[in-house]
Amino acid sequence: MIANRKDSSFLKEIECLLNLLMGYPAGTEALKSICERHAGTTVYIPLAPEGYIRYRNASIRSEFRGDNYRELAIKWGLDERHVRRIVHGDVDN
């Protein structure tokens, strides 16, 4: 996602995040620092952090019962072919 996106749900999520940060002294300072250093720049938000992907893939492998590709795909929001690649070791992590 890009910070200047006009999607109203995205903007609401950003507003909630900012409100959360403002509720904590460390968050307020961090937010102020980010604004001072990066005001006006475009921010790239990756789809998922690498640690999460490792956790997800390990969970999928441990939850696999031999025939539940579709169930795991739905649960984790993935394509069934991607679940098959994860289960059979064709994906790193």
PDB file of N, CA and C in Angstrom:
ATOM      1  N   MET A   1       0.826  -1.186   0.000  1.00  0.00           N
ATOM      2  CA  MET A   1       0.000   0.000   0.000  1.00  0.00           C
ATOM      3  C   MET A   1       0.864   1.241   0.000  1.00  0.00           C
ATOM      4  N   ILE A   2       0.315   2.276  -0.489  1.00  0.00           N
ATOM      5  CA  ILE A   2       1.033   3.542  -0.552  1.00  0.00           C
ATOM      6  C   ILE A   2       0.309   4.542   0.340  1.00  0.00           C
ATOM      7  N   ALA A   3       1.085   5.332   1.061  1.00  0.00           N
ATOM      8  CA  ALA A   3       0.524   6.229   2.068  1.00  0.00           C
ATOM      9  C   ALA A   3      -0.494   7.212   1.517  1.00  0.00           C
ATOM     10  N   ASN A   4      -0.391   7.608   0.263  1.00  0.00           N
ATOM     11  CA  ASN A   4      -1.332   8.593  -0.256  1.00  0.00           C
ATOM     12  C   ASN A   4      -2.558   7.940  -0.893  1.00  0.00           C
ATOM     13  N   ARG A   5      -2.783   6.686  -0.645  1.00  0.00           N
ATOM     14  CA  ARG A   5      -3.934   5.970  -1.189  1.00  0.00           C
ATOM     15  C   ARG A   5      -5.220   6.574  -0.648  1.00  0.00           C
ATOM     16  N   LYS A   6      -6.252   6.649  -1.472  1.00  0.00           N
ATOM     17  CA  LYS A   6      -7.502   7.298  -1.093  1.00  0.00           C
ATOM     18  C   LYS A   6      -8.524   6.336  -0.500  1.00  0.00           C
ATOM     19  N   ASP A   7      -8.170   5.082  -0.337  1.00  0.00           N
ATOM     20  CA  ASP A   7      -9.066   4.067   0.219  1.00  0.00           C
ATOM     21  C   ASP A   7      -9.460   4.467   1.640  1.00  0.00           C
ATOM     22  N   SER A   8     -10.764   4.669   1.890  1.00  0.00           N
ATOM     23  CA  SER A   8     -11.209   5.180   3.190  1.00  0.00           C
ATOM     24  C   SER A   8     -10.928   4.209   4.331  1.00  0.00           C
ATOM     25  N   SER A   9     -11.001   2.899   4.097  1.00  0.00           N
ATOM     26  CA  SER A   9     -10.717   1.951   5.183  1.00  0.00           C
ATOM     27  C   SER A   9      -9.238   2.010   5.557  1.00  0.00           C
ATOM     28  N   PHE A  10      -8.370   2.180   4.558  1.00  0.00           N
ATOM     29  CA  PHE A  10      -6.939   2.315   4.823  1.00  0.00           C
ATOM     30  C   PHE A  10      -6.678   3.568   5.648  1.00  0.00           C
ATOM     31  N   LEU A  11      -7.308   4.659   5.267  1.00  0.00           N
ATOM     32  CA  LEU A  11      -7.118   5.903   6.004  1.00  0.00           C
ATOM     33  C   LEU A  11      -7.627   5.792   7.437  1.00  0.00           C
ATOM     34  N   LYS A  12      -8.729   5.077   7.639  1.00  0.00           N
ATOM     35  CA  LYS A  12      -9.250   4.866   8.997  1.00  0.00           C
ATOM     36  C   LYS A  12      -8.274   4.045   9.826  1.00  0.00           C
ATOM     37  N   GLU A  13      -7.659   3.028   9.206  1.00  0.00           N
ATOM     38  CA  GLU A  13      -6.676   2.205   9.921  1.00  0.00           C
ATOM     39  C   GLU A  13      -5.461   3.037  10.324  1.00  0.00           C
ATOM     40  N   ILE A  14      -5.009   3.908   9.421  1.00  0.00           N
ATOM     41  CA  ILE A  14      -3.880   4.780   9.733  1.00  0.00           C
ATOM     42  C   ILE A  14      -4.248   5.723  10.874  1.00  0.00           C
ATOM     43  N   GLU A  15      -5.453   6.268  10.832  1.00  0.00           N
ATOM     44  CA  GLU A  15      -5.906   7.165  11.896  1.00  0.00           C
ATOM     45  C   GLU A  15      -5.934   6.439  13.242  1.00  0.00           C
ATOM     46  N   CYS A  16      -6.412   5.202  13.255  1.00  0.00           N
ATOM     47  CA  CYS A  16      -6.432   4.409  14.498  1.00  0.00           C
ATOM     48  C   CYS A  16      -5.017   4.167  15.007  1.00  0.00           C
ATOM     49  N   LEU A  17      -4.102   3.857  14.091  1.00  0.00           N
ATOM     50  CA  LEU A  17      -2.708   3.636  14.477  1.00  0.00           C
ATOM     51  C   LEU A  17      -2.108   4.901  15.068  1.00  0.00           C
ATOM     52  N   LEU A  18      -2.358   6.033  14.445  1.00  0.00           N
ATOM     53  CA  LEU A  18      -1.836   7.302  14.959  1.00  0.00           C
ATOM     54  C   LEU A  18      -2.415   7.615  16.335  1.00  0.00           C
ATOM     55  N   ASN A  19      -3.701   7.372  16.506  1.00  0.00           N
ATOM     56  CA  ASN A  19      -4.323   7.607  17.814  1.00  0.00           C
ATOM     57  C   ASN A  19      -3.721   6.697  18.876  1.00  0.00           C
ATOM     58  N   LEU A  20      -3.437   5.456  18.505  1.00  0.00           N
ATOM     59  CA  LEU A  20      -2.813   4.529  19.442  1.00  0.00           C
ATOM     60  C   LEU A  20      -1.422   5.010  19.825  1.00  0.00           C
ATOM     61  N   LEU A  21      -0.629   5.406  18.831  1.00  0.00           N
ATOM     62  CA  LEU A  21       0.714   5.906  19.114  1.00  0.00           C
ATOM     63  C   LEU A  21       0.682   7.142  19.992  1.00  0.00           C
ATOM     64  N   MET A  22      -0.280   8.018  19.766  1.00  0.00           N
ATOM     65  CA  MET A  22      -0.366   9.252  20.542  1.00  0.00           C
ATOM     66  C   MET A  22      -0.734   8.987  21.996  1.00  0.00           C
ATOM     67  N   GLY A  23      -1.287   7.809  22.279  1.00  0.00           N
ATOM     68  CA  GLY A  23      -1.681   7.478  23.651  1.00  0.00           C
ATOM     69  C   GLY A  23      -0.521   7.065  24.537  1.00  0.00           C
ATOM     70  N   TYR A  24       0.661   6.905  23.977  1.00  0.00           N
ATOM     71  CA  TYR A  24       1.822   6.470  24.748  1.00  0.00           C
ATOM     72  C   TYR A  24       2.946   7.479  24.564  1.00  0.00           C
ATOM     73  N   PRO A  25       3.643   7.849  25.655  1.00  0.00           N
ATOM     74  CA  PRO A  25       4.726   8.828  25.532  1.00  0.00           C
ATOM     75  C   PRO A  25       5.773   8.421  24.499  1.00  0.00           C
ATOM     76  N   ALA A  26       6.203   7.174  24.514  1.00  0.00           N
ATOM     77  CA  ALA A  26       7.209   6.723  23.541  1.00  0.00           C
ATOM     78  C   ALA A  26       6.625   6.777  22.134  1.00  0.00           C
ATOM     79  N   GLY A  27       5.357   6.463  21.993  1.00  0.00           N
ATOM     80  CA  GLY A  27       4.703   6.507  20.691  1.00  0.00           C
ATOM     81  C   GLY A  27       4.614   7.916  20.155  1.00  0.00           C
ATOM     82  N   THR A  28       4.325   8.850  21.030  1.00  0.00           N
ATOM     83  CA  THR A  28       4.235  10.251  20.626  1.00  0.00           C
ATOM     84  C   THR A  28       5.573  10.743  20.098  1.00  0.00           C
ATOM     85  N   GLU A  29       6.635  10.428  20.809  1.00  0.00           N
ATOM     86  CA  GLU A  29       7.972  10.850  20.372  1.00  0.00           C
ATOM     87  C   GLU A  29       8.367  10.169  19.068  1.00  0.00           C
ATOM     88  N   ALA A  30       8.059   8.890  18.956  1.00  0.00           N
ATOM     89  CA  ALA A  30       8.385   8.153  17.732  1.00  0.00           C
ATOM     90  C   ALA A  30       7.628   8.744  16.546  1.00  0.00           C
ATOM     91  N   LEU A  31       6.357   9.043  16.747  1.00  0.00           N
ATOM     92  CA  LEU A  31       5.552   9.616  15.683  1.00  0.00           C
ATOM     93  C   LEU A  31       6.078  10.992  15.275  1.00  0.00           C
ATOM     94  N   LYS A  32       6.443  11.786  16.253  1.00  0.00           N
ATOM     95  CA  LYS A  32       6.989  13.118  15.968  1.00  0.00           C
ATOM     96  C   LYS A  32       8.282  12.994  15.163  1.00  0.00           C
ATOM     97  N   SER A  33       9.135  12.057  15.538  1.00  0.00           N
ATOM     98  CA  SER A  33      10.398  11.836  14.837  1.00  0.00           C
ATOM     99  C   SER A  33      10.158  11.383  13.395  1.00  0.00           C
ATOM    100  N   ILE A  34       9.209  10.469  13.210  1.00  0.00           N
ATOM    101  CA  ILE A  34       8.883   9.984  11.860  1.00  0.00           C
ATOM    102  C   ILE A  34       8.382  11.138  10.998  1.00  0.00           C
ATOM    103  N   CYS A  35       7.501  11.958  11.559  1.00  0.00           N
ATOM    104  CA  CYS A  35       6.952  13.090  10.805  1.00  0.00           C
ATOM    105  C   CYS A  35       8.036  14.088  10.438  1.00  0.00           C
ATOM    106  N   GLU A  36       8.941  14.375  11.367  1.00  0.00           N
ATOM    107  CA  GLU A  36      10.006  15.335  11.097  1.00  0.00           C
ATOM    108  C   GLU A  36      10.964  14.819  10.032  1.00  0.00           C
ATOM    109  N   ARG A  37      11.288  13.551  10.081  1.00  0.00           N
ATOM    110  CA  ARG A  37      12.286  12.988   9.174  1.00  0.00           C
ATOM    111  C   ARG A  37      11.718  12.591   7.819  1.00  0.00           C
ATOM    112  N   HIS A  38      10.444  12.218   7.763  1.00  0.00           N
ATOM    113  CA  HIS A  38       9.912  11.632   6.538  1.00  0.00           C
ATOM    114  C   HIS A  38       8.660  12.313   5.999  1.00  0.00           C
ATOM    115  N   ALA A  39       8.356  13.503   6.466  1.00  0.00           N
ATOM    116  CA  ALA A  39       7.159  14.206   6.000  1.00  0.00           C
ATOM    117  C   ALA A  39       7.176  14.358   4.482  1.00  0.00           C
ATOM    118  N   GLY A  40       6.057  14.019   3.866  1.00  0.00           N
ATOM    119  CA  GLY A  40       5.922  14.187   2.426  1.00  0.00           C
ATOM    120  C   GLY A  40       6.445  13.035   1.584  1.00  0.00           C
ATOM    121  N   THR A  41       6.996  12.015   2.215  1.00  0.00           N
ATOM    122  CA  THR A  41       7.516  10.886   1.434  1.00  0.00           C
ATOM    123  C   THR A  41       6.460   9.785   1.331  1.00  0.00           C
ATOM    124  N   THR A  42       6.631   8.938   0.337  1.00  0.00           N
ATOM    125  CA  THR A  42       5.753   7.790   0.153  1.00  0.00           C
ATOM    126  C   THR A  42       6.271   6.647   1.012  1.00  0.00           C
ATOM    127  N   VAL A  43       5.372   5.960   1.673  1.00  0.00           N
ATOM    128  CA  VAL A  43       5.749   4.862   2.556  1.00  0.00           C
ATOM    129  C   VAL A  43       5.265   3.550   1.962  1.00  0.00           C
ATOM    130  N   TYR A  44       6.171   2.582   1.849  1.00  0.00           N
ATOM    131  CA  TYR A  44       5.814   1.242   1.381  1.00  0.00           C
ATOM    132  C   TYR A  44       5.569   0.365   2.596  1.00  0.00           C
ATOM    133  N   ILE A  45       4.434  -0.296   2.643  1.00  0.00           N
ATOM    134  CA  ILE A  45       4.114  -1.209   3.735  1.00  0.00           C
ATOM    135  C   ILE A  45       4.108  -2.616   3.151  1.00  0.00           C
ATOM    136  N   PRO A  46       5.070  -3.459   3.529  1.00  0.00           N
ATOM    137  CA  PRO A  46       5.142  -4.799   2.950  1.00  0.00           C
ATOM    138  C   PRO A  46       3.916  -5.622   3.314  1.00  0.00           C
ATOM    139  N   LEU A  47       3.635  -6.594   2.473  1.00  0.00           N
ATOM    140  CA  LEU A  47       2.470  -7.438   2.681  1.00  0.00           C
ATOM    141  C   LEU A  47       2.540  -8.171   4.012  1.00  0.00           C
ATOM    142  N   ALA A  48       3.672  -8.765   4.316  1.00  0.00           N
ATOM    143  CA  ALA A  48       3.821  -9.489   5.584  1.00  0.00           C
ATOM    144  C   ALA A  48       5.297  -9.536   5.956  1.00  0.00           C
ATOM    145  N   PRO A  49       5.612  -9.292   7.217  1.00  0.00           N
ATOM    146  CA  PRO A  49       7.006  -9.389   7.649  1.00  0.00           C
ATOM    147  C   PRO A  49       7.512 -10.827   7.505  1.00  0.00           C
ATOM    148  N   GLU A  50       8.812 -10.960   7.277  1.00  0.00           N
ATOM    149  CA  GLU A  50       9.409 -12.279   7.072  1.00  0.00           C
ATOM    150  C   GLU A  50       9.149 -13.217   8.256  1.00  0.00           C
ATOM    151  N   GLY A  51       9.202 -12.698   9.470  1.00  0.00           N
ATOM    152  CA  GLY A  51       8.944 -13.531  10.654  1.00  0.00           C
ATOM    153  C   GLY A  51       7.548 -14.122  10.643  1.00  0.00           C
ATOM    154  N   TYR A  52       6.584 -13.331  10.182  1.00  0.00           N
ATOM    155  CA  TYR A  52       5.211 -13.829  10.103  1.00  0.00           C
ATOM    156  C   TYR A  52       5.107 -14.936   9.066  1.00  0.00           C
ATOM    157  N   ILE A  53       5.776 -14.763   7.929  1.00  0.00           N
ATOM    158  CA  ILE A  53       5.713 -15.770   6.872  1.00  0.00           C
ATOM    159  C   ILE A  53       6.311 -17.089   7.357  1.00  0.00           C
ATOM    160  N   ARG A  54       7.428 -17.019   8.082  1.00  0.00           N
ATOM    161  CA  ARG A  54       8.012 -18.252   8.653  1.00  0.00           C
ATOM    162  C   ARG A  54       7.026 -18.919   9.605  1.00  0.00           C
ATOM    163  N   TYR A  55       6.402 -18.116  10.490  1.00  0.00           N
ATOM    164  CA  TYR A  55       5.415 -18.639  11.439  1.00  0.00           C
ATOM    165  C   TYR A  55       4.250 -19.275  10.693  1.00  0.00           C
ATOM    166  N   ARG A  56       3.714 -18.552   9.681  1.00  0.00           N
ATOM    167  CA  ARG A  56       2.580 -19.052   8.908  1.00  0.00           C
ATOM    168  C   ARG A  56       2.915 -20.367   8.223  1.00  0.00           C
ATOM    169  N   ASN A  57       4.066 -20.424   7.552  1.00  0.00           N
ATOM    170  CA  ASN A  57       4.441 -21.634   6.832  1.00  0.00           C
ATOM    171  C   ASN A  57       4.648 -22.818   7.778  1.00  0.00           C
ATOM    172  N   ALA A  58       5.270 -22.580   8.926  1.00  0.00           N
ATOM    173  CA  ALA A  58       5.455 -23.651   9.908  1.00  0.00           C
ATOM    174  C   ALA A  58       4.106 -24.120  10.440  1.00  0.00           C
ATOM    175  N   SER A  59       3.198 -23.198  10.657  1.00  0.00           N
ATOM    176  CA  SER A  59       1.855 -23.559  11.137  1.00  0.00           C
ATOM    177  C   SER A  59       1.118 -24.390  10.098  1.00  0.00           C
ATOM    178  N   ILE A  60       1.225 -23.992   8.844  1.00  0.00           N
ATOM    179  CA  ILE A  60       0.558 -24.737   7.770  1.00  0.00           C
ATOM    180  C   ILE A  60       1.102 -26.158   7.713  1.00  0.00           C
ATOM    181  N   ARG A  61       2.421 -26.302   7.800  1.00  0.00           N
ATOM    182  CA  ARG A  61       3.021 -27.648   7.758  1.00  0.00           C
ATOM    183  C   ARG A  61       2.558 -28.498   8.934  1.00  0.00           C
ATOM    184  N   SER A  62       2.466 -27.884  10.111  1.00  0.00           N
ATOM    185  CA  SER A  62       2.052 -28.673  11.283  1.00  0.00           C
ATOM    186  C   SER A  62       0.556 -28.984  11.284  1.00  0.00           C
ATOM    187  N   GLU A  63      -0.244 -28.162  10.636  1.00  0.00           N
ATOM    188  CA  GLU A  63      -1.694 -28.371  10.587  1.00  0.00           C
ATOM    189  C   GLU A  63      -2.113 -29.278   9.419  1.00  0.00           C
ATOM    190  N   PHE A  64      -1.171 -29.578   8.532  1.00  0.00           N
ATOM    191  CA  PHE A  64      -1.501 -30.382   7.359  1.00  0.00           C
ATOM    192  C   PHE A  64      -1.766 -31.827   7.765  1.00  0.00           C
ATOM    193  N   ARG A  65      -2.906 -32.373   7.285  1.00  0.00           N
ATOM    194  CA  ARG A  65      -3.314 -33.734   7.627  1.00  0.00           C
ATOM    195  C   ARG A  65      -3.292 -34.689   6.426  1.00  0.00           C
ATOM    196  N   GLY A  66      -2.788 -34.237   5.301  1.00  0.00           N
ATOM    197  CA  GLY A  66      -2.714 -35.090   4.129  1.00  0.00           C
ATOM    198  C   GLY A  66      -3.734 -34.769   3.058  1.00  0.00           C
ATOM    199  N   ASP A  67      -4.819 -34.118   3.437  1.00  0.00           N
ATOM    200  CA  ASP A  67      -5.865 -33.845   2.445  1.00  0.00           C
ATOM    201  C   ASP A  67      -6.562 -32.493   2.648  1.00  0.00           C
ATOM    202  N   ASN A  68      -6.030 -31.659   3.494  1.00  0.00           N
ATOM    203  CA  ASN A  68      -6.732 -30.416   3.845  1.00  0.00           C
ATOM    204  C   ASN A  68      -6.097 -29.162   3.246  1.00  0.00           C
ATOM    205  N   TYR A  69      -5.649 -29.268   2.001  1.00  0.00           N
ATOM    206  CA  TYR A  69      -5.062 -28.106   1.315  1.00  0.00           C
ATOM    207  C   TYR A  69      -6.054 -26.947   1.254  1.00  0.00           C
ATOM    208  N   ARG A  70      -7.258 -27.246   0.837  1.00  0.00           N
ATOM    209  CA  ARG A  70      -8.276 -26.191   0.653  1.00  0.00           C
ATOM    210  C   ARG A  70      -8.608 -25.510   1.979  1.00  0.00           C
ATOM    211  N   GLU A  71      -8.784 -26.304   3.011  1.00  0.00           N
ATOM    212  CA  GLU A  71      -9.091 -25.767   4.342  1.00  0.00           C
ATOM    213  C   GLU A  71      -7.989 -24.813   4.808  1.00  0.00           C
ATOM    214  N   LEU A  72      -6.736 -25.216   4.623  1.00  0.00           N
ATOM    215  CA  LEU A  72      -5.619 -24.373   5.038  1.00  0.00           C
ATOM    216  C   LEU A  72      -5.532 -23.109   4.174  1.00  0.00           C
ATOM    217  N   ALA A  73      -5.825 -23.255   2.896  1.00  0.00           N
ATOM    218  CA  ALA A  73      -5.804 -22.089   2.004  1.00  0.00           C
ATOM    219  C   ALA A  73      -6.820 -21.052   2.462  1.00  0.00           C
ATOM    220  N   ILE A  74      -8.003 -21.504   2.805  1.00  0.00           N
ATOM    221  CA  ILE A  74      -9.047 -20.586   3.273  1.00  0.00           C
ATOM    222  C   ILE A  74      -8.646 -19.962   4.609  1.00  0.00           C
ATOM    223  N   LYS A  75      -8.171 -20.793   5.523  1.00  0.00           N
ATOM    224  CA  LYS A  75      -7.801 -20.302   6.853  1.00  0.00           C
ATOM    225  C   LYS A  75      -6.720 -19.220   6.781  1.00  0.00           C
ATOM    226  N   TRP A  76      -5.717 -19.437   5.939  1.00  0.00           N
ATOM    227  CA  TRP A  76      -4.580 -18.529   5.887  1.00  0.00           C
ATOM    228  C   TRP A  76      -4.673 -17.503   4.757  1.00  0.00           C
ATOM    229  N   GLY A  77      -5.773 -17.520   3.990  1.00  0.00           N
ATOM    230  CA  GLY A  77      -5.961 -16.540   2.935  1.00  0.00           C
ATOM    231  C   GLY A  77      -4.988 -16.695   1.776  1.00  0.00           C
ATOM    232  N   LEU A  78      -4.691 -17.938   1.436  1.00  0.00           N
ATOM    233  CA  LEU A  78      -3.740 -18.222   0.363  1.00  0.00           C
ATOM    234  C   LEU A  78      -4.402 -19.014  -0.746  1.00  0.00           C
ATOM    235  N   ASP A  79      -3.747 -19.057  -1.871  1.00  0.00           N
ATOM    236  CA  ASP A  79      -4.166 -19.907  -2.970  1.00  0.00           C
ATOM    237  C   ASP A  79      -3.819 -21.355  -2.602  1.00  0.00           C
ATOM    238  N   GLU A  80      -4.663 -22.283  -2.978  1.00  0.00           N
ATOM    239  CA  GLU A  80      -4.434 -23.695  -2.646  1.00  0.00           C
ATOM    240  C   GLU A  80      -3.092 -24.190  -3.200  1.00  0.00           C
ATOM    241  N   ARG A  81      -2.711 -23.720  -4.391  1.00  0.00           N
ATOM    242  CA  ARG A  81      -1.414 -24.128  -4.962  1.00  0.00           C
ATOM    243  C   ARG A  81      -0.258 -23.655  -4.093  1.00  0.00           C
ATOM    244  N   HIS A  82      -0.403 -22.474  -3.497  1.00  0.00           N
ATOM    245  CA  HIS A  82       0.664 -21.967  -2.630  1.00  0.00           C
ATOM    246  C   HIS A  82       0.768 -22.826  -1.369  1.00  0.00           C
ATOM    247  N   VAL A  83      -0.356 -23.238  -0.829  1.00  0.00           N
ATOM    248  CA  VAL A  83      -0.345 -24.128   0.342  1.00  0.00           C
ATOM    249  C   VAL A  83       0.370 -25.430  -0.019  1.00  0.00           C
ATOM    250  N   ARG A  84       0.103 -25.971  -1.191  1.00  0.00           N
ATOM    251  CA  ARG A  84       0.771 -27.201  -1.632  1.00  0.00           C
ATOM    252  C   ARG A  84       2.286 -26.999  -1.708  1.00  0.00           C
ATOM    253  N   ARG A  85       2.715 -25.849  -2.238  1.00  0.00           N
ATOM    254  CA  ARG A  85       4.153 -25.564  -2.320  1.00  0.00           C
ATOM    255  C   ARG A  85       4.763 -25.476  -0.926  1.00  0.00           C
ATOM    256  N   ILE A  86       4.060 -24.859   0.011  1.00  0.00           N
ATOM    257  CA  ILE A  86       4.568 -24.740   1.381  1.00  0.00           C
ATOM    258  C   ILE A  86       4.688 -26.128   2.011  1.00  0.00           C
ATOM    259  N   VAL A  87       3.636 -26.934   1.895  1.00  0.00           N
ATOM    260  CA  VAL A  87       3.612 -28.265   2.522  1.00  0.00           C
ATOM    261  C   VAL A  87       4.704 -29.165   1.944  1.00  0.00           C
ATOM    262  N   HIS A  88       4.942 -29.079   0.653  1.00  0.00           N
ATOM    263  CA  HIS A  88       5.909 -29.969   0.009  1.00  0.00           C
ATOM    264  C   HIS A  88       7.321 -29.395  -0.044  1.00  0.00           C
ATOM    265  N   GLY A  89       7.540 -28.276   0.635  1.00  0.00           N
ATOM    266  CA  GLY A  89       8.894 -27.731   0.765  1.00  0.00           C
ATOM    267  C   GLY A  89       9.398 -26.973  -0.447  1.00  0.00           C
ATOM    268  N   ASP A  90       8.502 -26.547  -1.331  1.00  0.00           N
ATOM    269  CA  ASP A  90       8.929 -25.796  -2.518  1.00  0.00           C
ATOM    270  C   ASP A  90       9.040 -24.301  -2.242  1.00  0.00           C
ATOM    271  N   VAL A  91       8.842 -23.905  -0.985  1.00  0.00           N
ATOM    272  CA  VAL A  91       8.901 -22.502  -0.585  1.00  0.00           C
ATOM    273  C   VAL A  91       9.899 -22.396   0.567  1.00  0.00           C
ATOM    274  N   ASP A  92      10.759 -21.379   0.512  1.00  0.00           N
ATOM    275  CA  ASP A  92      11.702 -21.161   1.617  1.00  0.00           C
ATOM    276  C   ASP A  92      10.941 -20.812   2.883  1.00  0.00           C
ATOM    277  N   ASN A  93      11.557 -21.060   4.016  1.00  0.00           N
ATOM    278  CA  ASN A  93      11.000 -20.787   5.349  1.00  0.00           C
ATOM    279  C   ASN A  93      10.162 -21.939   5.757  1.00  0.00           C
TER     280      ASN A  93
END
